[in-house]
PDB file of N, CA and C in Angstrom:
ATOM      1  N   MET A   1     115.089 126.345 101.305  1.00  0.00           N
ATOM      2  CA  MET A   1     113.837 126.523 100.624  1.00  0.00           C
ATOM      3  C   MET A   1     113.000 127.434 101.471  1.00  0.00           C
ATOM      4  N   LYS A   2     112.433 128.449 100.850  1.00  0.00           N
ATOM      5  CA  LYS A   2     111.423 129.422 101.512  1.00  0.00           C
ATOM      6  C   LYS A   2     110.172 129.406 100.788  1.00  0.00           C
ATOM      7  N   ILE A   3     109.133 129.335 101.589  1.00  0.00           N
ATOM      8  CA  ILE A   3     107.754 129.371 100.914  1.00  0.00           C
ATOM      9  C   ILE A   3     107.015 130.683 101.487  1.00  0.00           C
ATOM     10  N   ASP A   4     106.704 131.546 100.545  1.00  0.00           N
ATOM     11  CA  ASP A   4     106.048 132.687 100.879  1.00  0.00           C
ATOM     12  C   ASP A   4     104.644 132.781 100.233  1.00  0.00           C
ATOM     13  N   GLY A   5     103.599 132.507 100.889  1.00  0.00           N
ATOM     14  CA  GLY A   5     102.187 132.265 100.308  1.00  0.00           C
ATOM     15  C   GLY A   5     102.264 130.979  99.396  1.00  0.00           C
ATOM     16  N   THR A   6     102.299 131.016  98.141  1.00  0.00           N
ATOM     17  CA  THR A   6     102.376 129.897  97.280  1.00  0.00           C
ATOM     18  C   THR A   6     103.702 129.940  96.562  1.00  0.00           C
ATOM     19  N   ASP A   7     104.428 131.024  96.683  1.00  0.00           N
ATOM     20  CA  ASP A   7     105.736 131.179  95.937  1.00  0.00           C
ATOM     21  C   ASP A   7     106.805 130.482  96.626  1.00  0.00           C
ATOM     22  N   ILE A   8     107.593 129.772  95.941  1.00  0.00           N
ATOM     23  CA  ILE A   8     108.775 129.031  96.417  1.00  0.00           C
ATOM     24  C   ILE A   8     110.049 129.595  95.853  1.00  0.00           C
ATOM     25  N   THR A   9     111.089 129.892  96.941  1.00  0.00           N
ATOM     26  CA  THR A   9     112.353 130.239  96.514  1.00  0.00           C
ATOM     27  C   THR A   9     113.346 129.235  97.040  1.00  0.00           C
ATOM     28  N   MET A  10     114.189 128.817  96.101  1.00  0.00           N
ATOM     29  CA  MET A  10     115.146 127.700  96.469  1.00  0.00           C
ATOM     30  C   MET A  10     116.597 127.978  95.920  1.00  0.00           C
ATOM     31  N   THR A  11     117.595 127.710  96.680  1.00  0.00           N
ATOM     32  CA  THR A  11     118.983 127.839  96.120  1.00  0.00           C
ATOM     33  C   THR A  11     119.221 126.755  95.312  1.00  0.00           C
ATOM     34  N   ARG A  12     119.736 126.970  94.086  1.00  0.00           N
ATOM     35  CA  ARG A  12     120.059 125.882  93.219  1.00  0.00           C
ATOM     36  C   ARG A  12     120.946 124.787  93.800  1.00  0.00           C
ATOM     37  N   GLY A  13     120.629 123.569  93.529  1.00  0.00           N
ATOM     38  CA  GLY A  13     121.419 122.421  94.037  1.00  0.00           C
ATOM     39  C   GLY A  13     121.199 122.099  95.507  1.00  0.00           C
ATOM     40  N   ASP A  14     120.129 122.662  96.166  1.00  0.00           N
ATOM     41  CA  ASP A  14     119.845 122.395  97.534  1.00  0.00           C
ATOM     42  C   ASP A  14     118.788 121.292  97.611  1.00  0.00           C
ATOM     43  N   THR A  15     118.532 120.796  98.747  1.00  0.00           N
ATOM     44  CA  THR A  15     117.467 119.728  98.954  1.00  0.00           C
ATOM     45  C   THR A  15     116.281 120.434  99.775  1.00  0.00           C
ATOM     46  N   GLY A  16     115.122 120.022  99.371  1.00  0.00           N
ATOM     47  CA  GLY A  16     113.996 120.631 100.159  1.00  0.00           C
ATOM     48  C   GLY A  16     112.757 119.740 100.144  1.00  0.00           C
ATOM     49  N   THR A  17     112.070 119.744 101.099  1.00  0.00           N
ATOM     50  CA  THR A  17     110.807 118.911 101.259  1.00  0.00           C
ATOM     51  C   THR A  17     109.670 119.761 101.495  1.00  0.00           C
ATOM     52  N   MET A  18     108.614 119.432 100.898  1.00  0.00           N
ATOM     53  CA  MET A  18     107.345 120.174 101.284  1.00  0.00           C
ATOM     54  C   MET A  18     106.196 119.147 101.608  1.00  0.00           C
ATOM     55  N   ARG A  19     105.478 119.446 102.594  1.00  0.00           N
ATOM     56  CA  ARG A  19     104.292 118.632 103.039  1.00  0.00           C
ATOM     57  C   ARG A  19     103.112 119.233 102.437  1.00  0.00           C
ATOM     58  N   VAL A  20     102.368 118.604 101.675  1.00  0.00           N
ATOM     59  CA  VAL A  20     101.070 118.912 101.099  1.00  0.00           C
ATOM     60  C   VAL A  20      99.932 118.363 101.636  1.00  0.00           C
ATOM     61  N   THR A  21      98.926 119.161 102.149  1.00  0.00           N
ATOM     62  CA  THR A  21      97.636 118.629 102.642  1.00  0.00           C
ATOM     63  C   THR A  21      96.485 119.396 102.012  1.00  0.00           C
ATOM     64  N   CYS A  22      95.276 118.764 102.056  1.00  0.00           N
ATOM     65  CA  CYS A  22      94.246 119.523 101.581  1.00  0.00           C
ATOM     66  C   CYS A  22      93.112 119.717 102.625  1.00  0.00           C
ATOM     67  N   PHE A  23      92.580 120.803 102.553  1.00  0.00           N
ATOM     68  CA  PHE A  23      91.323 121.303 103.458  1.00  0.00           C
ATOM     69  C   PHE A  23      90.273 121.792 102.571  1.00  0.00           C
ATOM     70  N   LYS A  24      89.007 121.509 103.040  1.00  0.00           N
ATOM     71  CA  LYS A  24      87.837 122.161 102.457  1.00  0.00           C
ATOM     72  C   LYS A  24      86.982 122.666 103.556  1.00  0.00           C
ATOM     73  N   SER A  25      86.660 124.008 103.569  1.00  0.00           N
ATOM     74  CA  SER A  25      85.973 124.484 104.632  1.00  0.00           C
ATOM     75  C   SER A  25      86.474 124.199 105.939  1.00  0.00           C
ATOM     76  N   GLY A  26      87.886 124.236 106.118  1.00  0.00           N
ATOM     77  CA  GLY A  26      88.639 124.044 107.392  1.00  0.00           C
ATOM     78  C   GLY A  26      88.561 122.617 107.814  1.00  0.00           C
ATOM     79  N   VAL A  27      88.167 121.704 107.018  1.00  0.00           N
ATOM     80  CA  VAL A  27      88.183 120.265 107.396  1.00  0.00           C
ATOM     81  C   VAL A  27      89.210 119.591 106.446  1.00  0.00           C
ATOM     82  N   ALA A  28      90.112 118.781 107.190  1.00  0.00           N
ATOM     83  CA  ALA A  28      91.096 118.202 106.449  1.00  0.00           C
ATOM     84  C   ALA A  28      90.500 116.945 105.522  1.00  0.00           C
ATOM     85  N   LEU A  29      91.085 117.003 104.262  1.00  0.00           N
ATOM     86  CA  LEU A  29      90.675 116.027 103.367  1.00  0.00           C
ATOM     87  C   LEU A  29      91.967 115.147 103.030  1.00  0.00           C
ATOM     88  N   PRO A  30      92.212 114.138 103.759  1.00  0.00           N
ATOM     89  CA  PRO A  30      93.454 113.326 103.489  1.00  0.00           C
ATOM     90  C   PRO A  30      93.564 112.700 102.095  1.00  0.00           C
ATOM     91  N   PHE A  31      94.730 112.550 101.592  1.00  0.00           N
ATOM     92  CA  PHE A  31      94.957 111.930 100.258  1.00  0.00           C
ATOM     93  C   PHE A  31      94.825 110.433 100.634  1.00  0.00           C
ATOM     94  N   GLU A  32      94.208 109.665  99.660  1.00  0.00           N
ATOM     95  CA  GLU A  32      93.885 108.211  99.859  1.00  0.00           C
ATOM     96  C   GLU A  32      94.520 107.455  98.846  1.00  0.00           C
ATOM     97  N   GLU A  33      94.583 106.090  98.955  1.00  0.00           N
ATOM     98  CA  GLU A  33      95.161 105.165  98.093  1.00  0.00           C
ATOM     99  C   GLU A  33      94.410 105.388  96.765  1.00  0.00           C
ATOM    100  N   GLY A  34      95.096 105.418  95.654  1.00  0.00           N
ATOM    101  CA  GLY A  34      94.519 105.713  94.294  1.00  0.00           C
ATOM    102  C   GLY A  34      94.566 107.107  93.876  1.00  0.00           C
ATOM    103  N   ASP A  35      94.847 108.034  94.778  1.00  0.00           N
ATOM    104  CA  ASP A  35      95.096 109.407  94.484  1.00  0.00           C
ATOM    105  C   ASP A  35      96.496 109.589  93.913  1.00  0.00           C
ATOM    106  N   THR A  36      96.633 110.821  93.010  1.00  0.00           N
ATOM    107  CA  THR A  36      97.966 110.986  92.641  1.00  0.00           C
ATOM    108  C   THR A  36      98.199 112.480  92.719  1.00  0.00           C
ATOM    109  N   VAL A  37      99.274 112.957  93.329  1.00  0.00           N
ATOM    110  CA  VAL A  37      99.611 114.385  93.430  1.00  0.00           C
ATOM    111  C   VAL A  37     100.784 114.645  92.421  1.00  0.00           C
ATOM    112  N   TYR A  38     100.658 115.609  91.571  1.00  0.00           N
ATOM    113  CA  TYR A  38     101.793 116.096  90.706  1.00  0.00           C
ATOM    114  C   TYR A  38     102.314 117.432  91.112  1.00  0.00           C
ATOM    115  N   PHE A  39     103.577 117.564  91.229  1.00  0.00           N
ATOM    116  CA  PHE A  39     104.315 118.764  91.401  1.00  0.00           C
ATOM    117  C   PHE A  39     105.034 119.036  90.128  1.00  0.00           C
ATOM    118  N   THR A  40     104.683 120.043  89.353  1.00  0.00           N
ATOM    119  CA  THR A  40     105.350 120.312  88.115  1.00  0.00           C
ATOM    120  C   THR A  40     105.921 121.786  88.006  1.00  0.00           C
ATOM    121  N   VAL A  41     107.185 121.858  87.490  1.00  0.00           N
ATOM    122  CA  VAL A  41     107.958 123.171  87.333  1.00  0.00           C
ATOM    123  C   VAL A  41     108.235 123.272  85.867  1.00  0.00           C
ATOM    124  N   LYS A  42     107.867 124.400  85.276  1.00  0.00           N
ATOM    125  CA  LYS A  42     108.219 124.725  83.904  1.00  0.00           C
ATOM    126  C   LYS A  42     108.837 126.135  83.848  1.00  0.00           C
ATOM    127  N   THR A  43     109.290 126.542  82.598  1.00  0.00           N
ATOM    128  CA  THR A  43     109.723 127.909  82.438  1.00  0.00           C
ATOM    129  C   THR A  43     108.556 128.877  82.508  1.00  0.00           C
ATOM    130  N   SER A  44     107.443 128.462  82.106  1.00  0.00           N
ATOM    131  CA  SER A  44     106.225 129.353  82.152  1.00  0.00           C
ATOM    132  C   SER A  44     104.989 128.356  81.952  1.00  0.00           C
ATOM    133  N   PRO A  45     103.783 128.674  82.464  1.00  0.00           N
ATOM    134  CA  PRO A  45     102.584 127.823  82.210  1.00  0.00           C
ATOM    135  C   PRO A  45     102.345 127.460  80.820  1.00  0.00           C
ATOM    136  N   SER A  46     102.771 128.243  79.845  1.00  0.00           N
ATOM    137  CA  SER A  46     102.265 128.073  78.519  1.00  0.00           C
ATOM    138  C   SER A  46     103.239 127.163  77.658  1.00  0.00           C
ATOM    139  N   VAL A  47     104.290 126.685  78.308  1.00  0.00           N
ATOM    140  CA  VAL A  47     105.173 125.650  77.513  1.00  0.00           C
ATOM    141  C   VAL A  47     104.937 124.271  78.030  1.00  0.00           C
ATOM    142  N   GLU A  48     105.264 123.352  77.081  1.00  0.00           N
ATOM    143  CA  GLU A  48     104.988 121.959  77.409  1.00  0.00           C
ATOM    144  C   GLU A  48     106.124 121.316  78.219  1.00  0.00           C
ATOM    145  N   GLN A  49     107.300 121.712  77.896  1.00  0.00           N
ATOM    146  CA  GLN A  49     108.517 121.072  78.538  1.00  0.00           C
ATOM    147  C   GLN A  49     108.490 121.271  80.077  1.00  0.00           C
ATOM    148  N   LYS A  50     108.708 120.064  80.690  1.00  0.00           N
ATOM    149  CA  LYS A  50     108.729 120.112  82.231  1.00  0.00           C
ATOM    150  C   LYS A  50     110.170 120.169  82.664  1.00  0.00           C
ATOM    151  N   LEU A  51     110.515 121.054  83.540  1.00  0.00           N
ATOM    152  CA  LEU A  51     111.844 121.189  84.188  1.00  0.00           C
ATOM    153  C   LEU A  51     111.990 120.054  85.217  1.00  0.00           C
ATOM    154  N   ILE A  52     110.885 120.103  86.136  1.00  0.00           N
ATOM    155  CA  ILE A  52     110.966 119.142  87.200  1.00  0.00           C
ATOM    156  C   ILE A  52     109.459 118.684  87.227  1.00  0.00           C
ATOM    157  N   GLN A  53     109.364 117.395  87.526  1.00  0.00           N
ATOM    158  CA  GLN A  53     107.978 116.747  87.799  1.00  0.00           C
ATOM    159  C   GLN A  53     108.103 115.644  88.831  1.00  0.00           C
ATOM    160  N   LYS A  54     107.430 115.759  89.924  1.00  0.00           N
ATOM    161  CA  LYS A  54     107.381 114.827  90.963  1.00  0.00           C
ATOM    162  C   LYS A  54     105.803 114.255  91.056  1.00  0.00           C
ATOM    163  N   VAL A  55     105.817 112.902  90.998  1.00  0.00           N
ATOM    164  CA  VAL A  55     104.519 112.322  91.120  1.00  0.00           C
ATOM    165  C   VAL A  55     104.443 111.498  92.354  1.00  0.00           C
ATOM    166  N   ILE A  56     103.506 111.793  93.195  1.00  0.00           N
ATOM    167  CA  ILE A  56     103.366 111.191  94.496  1.00  0.00           C
ATOM    168  C   ILE A  56     102.124 110.379  94.594  1.00  0.00           C
ATOM    169  N   ARG A  57     102.312 109.082  94.806  1.00  0.00           N
ATOM    170  CA  ARG A  57     101.150 108.156  94.982  1.00  0.00           C
ATOM    171  C   ARG A  57     101.165 107.442  96.339  1.00  0.00           C
ATOM    172  N   ASP A  58     102.183 107.645  97.084  1.00  0.00           N
ATOM    173  CA  ASP A  58     102.390 107.135  98.461  1.00  0.00           C
ATOM    174  C   ASP A  58     102.196 108.369  99.531  1.00  0.00           C
ATOM    175  N   PHE A  59     101.322 108.147 100.394  1.00  0.00           N
ATOM    176  CA  PHE A  59     100.992 109.309 101.397  1.00  0.00           C
ATOM    177  C   PHE A  59     101.271 108.778 102.791  1.00  0.00           C
ATOM    178  N   VAL A  60     101.730 109.695 103.527  1.00  0.00           N
ATOM    179  CA  VAL A  60     102.002 109.488 105.016  1.00  0.00           C
ATOM    180  C   VAL A  60     100.997 110.217 105.864  1.00  0.00           C
ATOM    181  N   ASP A  61     100.186 109.480 106.541  1.00  0.00           N
ATOM    182  CA  ASP A  61      99.135 110.125 107.431  1.00  0.00           C
ATOM    183  C   ASP A  61      98.256 111.114 106.568  1.00  0.00           C
ATOM    184  N   GLY A  62      97.905 110.684 105.286  1.00  0.00           N
ATOM    185  CA  GLY A  62      97.070 111.548 104.606  1.00  0.00           C
ATOM    186  C   GLY A  62      97.660 112.611 103.750  1.00  0.00           C
ATOM    187  N   SER A  63      99.092 112.847 103.967  1.00  0.00           N
ATOM    188  CA  SER A  63      99.697 113.925 103.383  1.00  0.00           C
ATOM    189  C   SER A  63     100.779 113.478 102.256  1.00  0.00           C
ATOM    190  N   ALA A  64     101.000 114.386 101.289  1.00  0.00           N
ATOM    191  CA  ALA A  64     101.920 114.051 100.263  1.00  0.00           C
ATOM    192  C   ALA A  64     103.223 114.864 100.584  1.00  0.00           C
ATOM    193  N   TYR A  65     104.343 114.172 100.493  1.00  0.00           N
ATOM    194  CA  TYR A  65     105.661 114.762 100.690  1.00  0.00           C
ATOM    195  C   TYR A  65     106.307 114.949  99.380  1.00  0.00           C
ATOM    196  N   ILE A  66     106.658 116.244  99.026  1.00  0.00           N
ATOM    197  CA  ILE A  66     107.442 116.372  97.632  1.00  0.00           C
ATOM    198  C   ILE A  66     108.859 116.675  98.010  1.00  0.00           C
ATOM    199  N   HIS A  67     109.672 115.788  97.580  1.00  0.00           N
ATOM    200  CA  HIS A  67     111.199 115.926  97.978  1.00  0.00           C
ATOM    201  C   HIS A  67     111.871 116.464  96.572  1.00  0.00           C
ATOM    202  N   ILE A  68     112.406 117.573  96.869  1.00  0.00           N
ATOM    203  CA  ILE A  68     113.323 118.173  95.762  1.00  0.00           C
ATOM    204  C   ILE A  68     114.781 117.898  96.014  1.00  0.00           C
ATOM    205  N   LEU A  69     115.462 117.157  95.179  1.00  0.00           N
ATOM    206  CA  LEU A  69     116.796 116.834  95.383  1.00  0.00           C
ATOM    207  C   LEU A  69     117.821 117.797  94.658  1.00  0.00           C
ATOM    208  N   PRO A  70     119.005 117.732  95.086  1.00  0.00           N
ATOM    209  CA  PRO A  70     119.950 118.734  94.362  1.00  0.00           C
ATOM    210  C   PRO A  70     120.047 118.616  92.851  1.00  0.00           C
ATOM    211  N   GLU A  71     119.900 117.431  92.382  1.00  0.00           N
ATOM    212  CA  GLU A  71     119.951 117.123  90.878  1.00  0.00           C
ATOM    213  C   GLU A  71     118.699 117.652  90.168  1.00  0.00           C
ATOM    214  N   ASP A  72     117.621 117.843  90.897  1.00  0.00           N
ATOM    215  CA  ASP A  72     116.461 118.464  90.313  1.00  0.00           C
ATOM    216  C   ASP A  72     116.717 119.953  89.922  1.00  0.00           C
ATOM    217  N   THR A  73     117.380 120.707  90.624  1.00  0.00           N
ATOM    218  CA  THR A  73     117.674 122.192  90.303  1.00  0.00           C
ATOM    219  C   THR A  73     118.970 122.498  89.860  1.00  0.00           C
ATOM    220  N   LYS A  74     119.804 121.594  89.796  1.00  0.00           N
ATOM    221  CA  LYS A  74     121.284 121.636  89.463  1.00  0.00           C
ATOM    222  C   LYS A  74     121.643 122.437  88.084  1.00  0.00           C
ATOM    223  N   GLU A  75     120.625 122.096  87.152  1.00  0.00           N
ATOM    224  CA  GLU A  75     120.813 122.742  85.713  1.00  0.00           C
ATOM    225  C   GLU A  75     119.980 123.839  85.562  1.00  0.00           C
ATOM    226  N   LEU A  76     119.115 124.196  86.496  1.00  0.00           N
ATOM    227  CA  LEU A  76     118.201 125.354  86.290  1.00  0.00           C
ATOM    228  C   LEU A  76     118.952 126.636  86.414  1.00  0.00           C
ATOM    229  N   ARG A  77     118.553 127.684  85.595  1.00  0.00           N
ATOM    230  CA  ARG A  77     119.266 129.008  85.563  1.00  0.00           C
ATOM    231  C   ARG A  77     118.822 129.765  86.827  1.00  0.00           C
ATOM    232  N   PHE A  78     119.692 130.354  87.598  1.00  0.00           N
ATOM    233  CA  PHE A  78     119.326 131.128  88.682  1.00  0.00           C
ATOM    234  C   PHE A  78     118.876 132.542  88.394  1.00  0.00           C
ATOM    235  N   ARG A  79     118.282 133.149  89.225  1.00  0.00           N
ATOM    236  CA  ARG A  79     117.812 134.480  89.129  1.00  0.00           C
ATOM    237  C   ARG A  79     116.718 134.469  88.057  1.00  0.00           C
ATOM    238  N   ARG A  80     116.004 133.356  87.794  1.00  0.00           N
ATOM    239  CA  ARG A  80     114.980 133.243  86.892  1.00  0.00           C
ATOM    240  C   ARG A  80     113.731 132.840  87.663  1.00  0.00           C
ATOM    241  N   VAL A  81     112.587 133.384  87.283  1.00  0.00           N
ATOM    242  CA  VAL A  81     111.272 132.900  87.881  1.00  0.00           C
ATOM    243  C   VAL A  81     110.641 131.912  87.029  1.00  0.00           C
ATOM    244  N   HIS A  82     110.561 130.716  87.535  1.00  0.00           N
ATOM    245  CA  HIS A  82     109.852 129.633  86.779  1.00  0.00           C
ATOM    246  C   HIS A  82     108.498 129.482  87.410  1.00  0.00           C
ATOM    247  N   ALA A  83     107.663 128.652  86.698  1.00  0.00           N
ATOM    248  CA  ALA A  83     106.181 128.513  87.286  1.00  0.00           C
ATOM    249  C   ALA A  83     106.113 127.064  87.710  1.00  0.00           C
ATOM    250  N   TYR A  84     105.158 126.950  88.761  1.00  0.00           N
ATOM    251  CA  TYR A  84     104.934 125.569  89.197  1.00  0.00           C
ATOM    252  C   TYR A  84     103.394 125.572  89.582  1.00  0.00           C
ATOM    253  N   ASP A  85     102.950 124.319  89.675  1.00  0.00           N
ATOM    254  CA  ASP A  85     101.596 124.101  90.311  1.00  0.00           C
ATOM    255  C   ASP A  85     101.503 122.716  90.944  1.00  0.00           C
ATOM    256  N   ILE A  86     100.513 122.499  91.677  1.00  0.00           N
ATOM    257  CA  ILE A  86     100.345 121.162  92.259  1.00  0.00           C
ATOM    258  C   ILE A  86      98.900 120.802  91.852  1.00  0.00           C
ATOM    259  N   GLN A  87      98.835 119.615  91.308  1.00  0.00           N
ATOM    260  CA  GLN A  87      97.602 119.179  90.862  1.00  0.00           C
ATOM    261  C   GLN A  87      97.277 117.691  91.532  1.00  0.00           C
ATOM    262  N   LEU A  88      96.077 117.529  91.904  1.00  0.00           N
ATOM    263  CA  LEU A  88      95.579 116.241  92.476  1.00  0.00           C
ATOM    264  C   LEU A  88      94.594 115.602  91.451  1.00  0.00           C
ATOM    265  N   THR A  89      94.905 114.303  91.259  1.00  0.00           N
ATOM    266  CA  THR A  89      94.047 113.496  90.421  1.00  0.00           C
ATOM    267  C   THR A  89      93.420 112.520  91.477  1.00  0.00           C
ATOM    268  N   LEU A  90      92.174 112.415  91.770  1.00  0.00           N
ATOM    269  CA  LEU A  90      91.552 111.549  92.708  1.00  0.00           C
ATOM    270  C   LEU A  90      91.461 110.229  92.009  1.00  0.00           C
ATOM    271  N   ALA A  91      91.297 109.192  92.977  1.00  0.00           N
ATOM    272  CA  ALA A  91      91.108 107.815  92.518  1.00  0.00           C
ATOM    273  C   ALA A  91      89.924 107.642  91.401  1.00  0.00           C
ATOM    274  N   ASP A  92      88.989 108.489  91.574  1.00  0.00           N
ATOM    275  CA  ASP A  92      87.824 108.434  90.642  1.00  0.00           C
ATOM    276  C   ASP A  92      88.055 109.059  89.378  1.00  0.00           C
ATOM    277  N   GLY A  93      89.171 109.656  89.127  1.00  0.00           N
ATOM    278  CA  GLY A  93      89.656 110.292  87.875  1.00  0.00           C
ATOM    279  C   GLY A  93      89.383 111.763  87.810  1.00  0.00           C
ATOM    280  N   SER A  94      88.721 112.359  88.785  1.00  0.00           N
ATOM    281  CA  SER A  94      88.559 113.860  88.899  1.00  0.00           C
ATOM    282  C   SER A  94      89.900 114.685  89.058  1.00  0.00           C
ATOM    283  N   VAL A  95      89.968 115.730  88.495  1.00  0.00           N
ATOM    284  CA  VAL A  95      91.257 116.482  88.562  1.00  0.00           C
ATOM    285  C   VAL A  95      90.982 117.741  89.272  1.00  0.00           C
ATOM    286  N   HIS A  96      91.918 118.051  90.198  1.00  0.00           N
ATOM    287  CA  HIS A  96      91.784 119.455  90.911  1.00  0.00           C
ATOM    288  C   HIS A  96      93.194 120.067  91.037  1.00  0.00           C
ATOM    289  N   THR A  97      93.318 121.265  90.570  1.00  0.00           N
ATOM    290  CA  THR A  97      94.457 122.129  90.907  1.00  0.00           C
ATOM    291  C   THR A  97      94.407 122.648  92.254  1.00  0.00           C
ATOM    292  N   ILE A  98      95.309 122.086  93.175  1.00  0.00           N
ATOM    293  CA  ILE A  98      95.220 122.468  94.545  1.00  0.00           C
ATOM    294  C   ILE A  98      96.214 123.681  94.875  1.00  0.00           C
ATOM    295  N   VAL A  99      97.147 123.988  93.951  1.00  0.00           N
ATOM    296  CA  VAL A  99      97.967 125.216  94.107  1.00  0.00           C
ATOM    297  C   VAL A  99      98.168 125.635  92.660  1.00  0.00           C
ATOM    298  N   GLY A 100      97.444 126.729  92.271  1.00  0.00           N
ATOM    299  CA  GLY A 100      97.521 127.170  90.943  1.00  0.00           C
ATOM    300  C   GLY A 100      98.818 127.806  90.584  1.00  0.00           C
ATOM    301  N   PRO A 101      99.033 128.089  89.351  1.00  0.00           N
ATOM    302  CA  PRO A 101     100.394 128.550  88.854  1.00  0.00           C
ATOM    303  C   PRO A 101     100.993 129.571  89.805  1.00  0.00           C
ATOM    304  N   SER A 102     102.140 129.331  90.268  1.00  0.00           N
ATOM    305  CA  SER A 102     102.838 130.157  91.221  1.00  0.00           C
ATOM    306  C   SER A 102     104.275 130.129  90.868  1.00  0.00           C
ATOM    307  N   LYS A 103     105.039 131.054  91.503  1.00  0.00           N
ATOM    308  CA  LYS A 103     106.444 131.354  91.158  1.00  0.00           C
ATOM    309  C   LYS A 103     107.321 130.229  91.916  1.00  0.00           C
ATOM    310  N   PHE A 104     108.363 129.758  91.126  1.00  0.00           N
ATOM    311  CA  PHE A 104     109.351 128.802  91.603  1.00  0.00           C
ATOM    312  C   PHE A 104     110.694 129.519  91.317  1.00  0.00           C
ATOM    313  N   ILE A 105     111.279 130.282  92.255  1.00  0.00           N
ATOM    314  CA  ILE A 105     112.347 131.081  91.943  1.00  0.00           C
ATOM    315  C   ILE A 105     113.772 130.324  92.453  1.00  0.00           C
ATOM    316  N   VAL A 106     114.733 130.264  91.537  1.00  0.00           N
ATOM    317  CA  VAL A 106     116.016 129.600  91.822  1.00  0.00           C
ATOM    318  C   VAL A 106     116.980 130.650  91.979  1.00  0.00           C
ATOM    319  N   THR A 107     117.631 130.708  93.284  1.00  0.00           N
ATOM    320  CA  THR A 107     118.643 131.566  93.446  1.00  0.00           C
ATOM    321  C   THR A 107     120.026 130.925  93.268  1.00  0.00           C
ATOM    322  N   GLU A 108     121.146 131.767  93.107  1.00  0.00           N
ATOM    323  CA  GLU A 108     122.423 131.224  92.824  1.00  0.00           C
ATOM    324  C   GLU A 108     122.955 130.470  94.061  1.00  0.00           C
ATOM    325  N   GLU A 109     123.942 129.635  93.850  1.00  0.00           N
ATOM    326  CA  GLU A 109     124.610 128.951  94.851  1.00  0.00           C
ATOM    327  C   GLU A 109     126.074 129.397  94.802  1.00  0.00           C
ATOM    328  N   VAL A 110     126.860 129.313  95.959  1.00  0.00           N
ATOM    329  CA  VAL A 110     128.222 129.562  95.993  1.00  0.00           C
ATOM    330  C   VAL A 110     129.015 128.355  96.064  1.00  0.00           C
ATOM    331  N   THR A 111     128.595 127.365  96.845  1.00  0.00           N
ATOM    332  CA  THR A 111     129.474 126.179  96.952  1.00  0.00           C
ATOM    333  C   THR A 111     128.894 125.149  95.946  1.00  0.00           C
ATOM    334  N   TYR A 112     129.748 124.680  95.129  1.00  0.00           N
ATOM    335  CA  TYR A 112     129.497 123.579  94.210  1.00  0.00           C
ATOM    336  C   TYR A 112     130.125 122.359  94.625  1.00  0.00           C
ATOM    337  N   GLU A 113     129.455 121.445  95.536  1.00  0.00           N
ATOM    338  CA  GLU A 113     130.026 120.290  95.992  1.00  0.00           C
ATOM    339  C   GLU A 113     129.047 119.197  95.783  1.00  0.00           C
TER     340      GLU A 113
END
């Protein structure tokens, strides 16, 4: 997995983990009990069908860890640019997009094991 700015490139069928944290004006804002972080991948922002969605409600030291497993990307078409975002819903119900629509690029694999 490679992250360039907010764009993610990943080899189809690989495993990857991303640590997500929030900051406001340089001050850490840890995720807390009752918060929910959503990582969603679609073919484009304008379609409803989700290709991958991870919902994180358990946090480690105030950070969310998004685990992408081989089966999450196994069926995705490679050499295709998908779209993803990361949304935070706070315990009070307010919603914040913490990573806006960005590229999720799947590259081809050679070894199918």
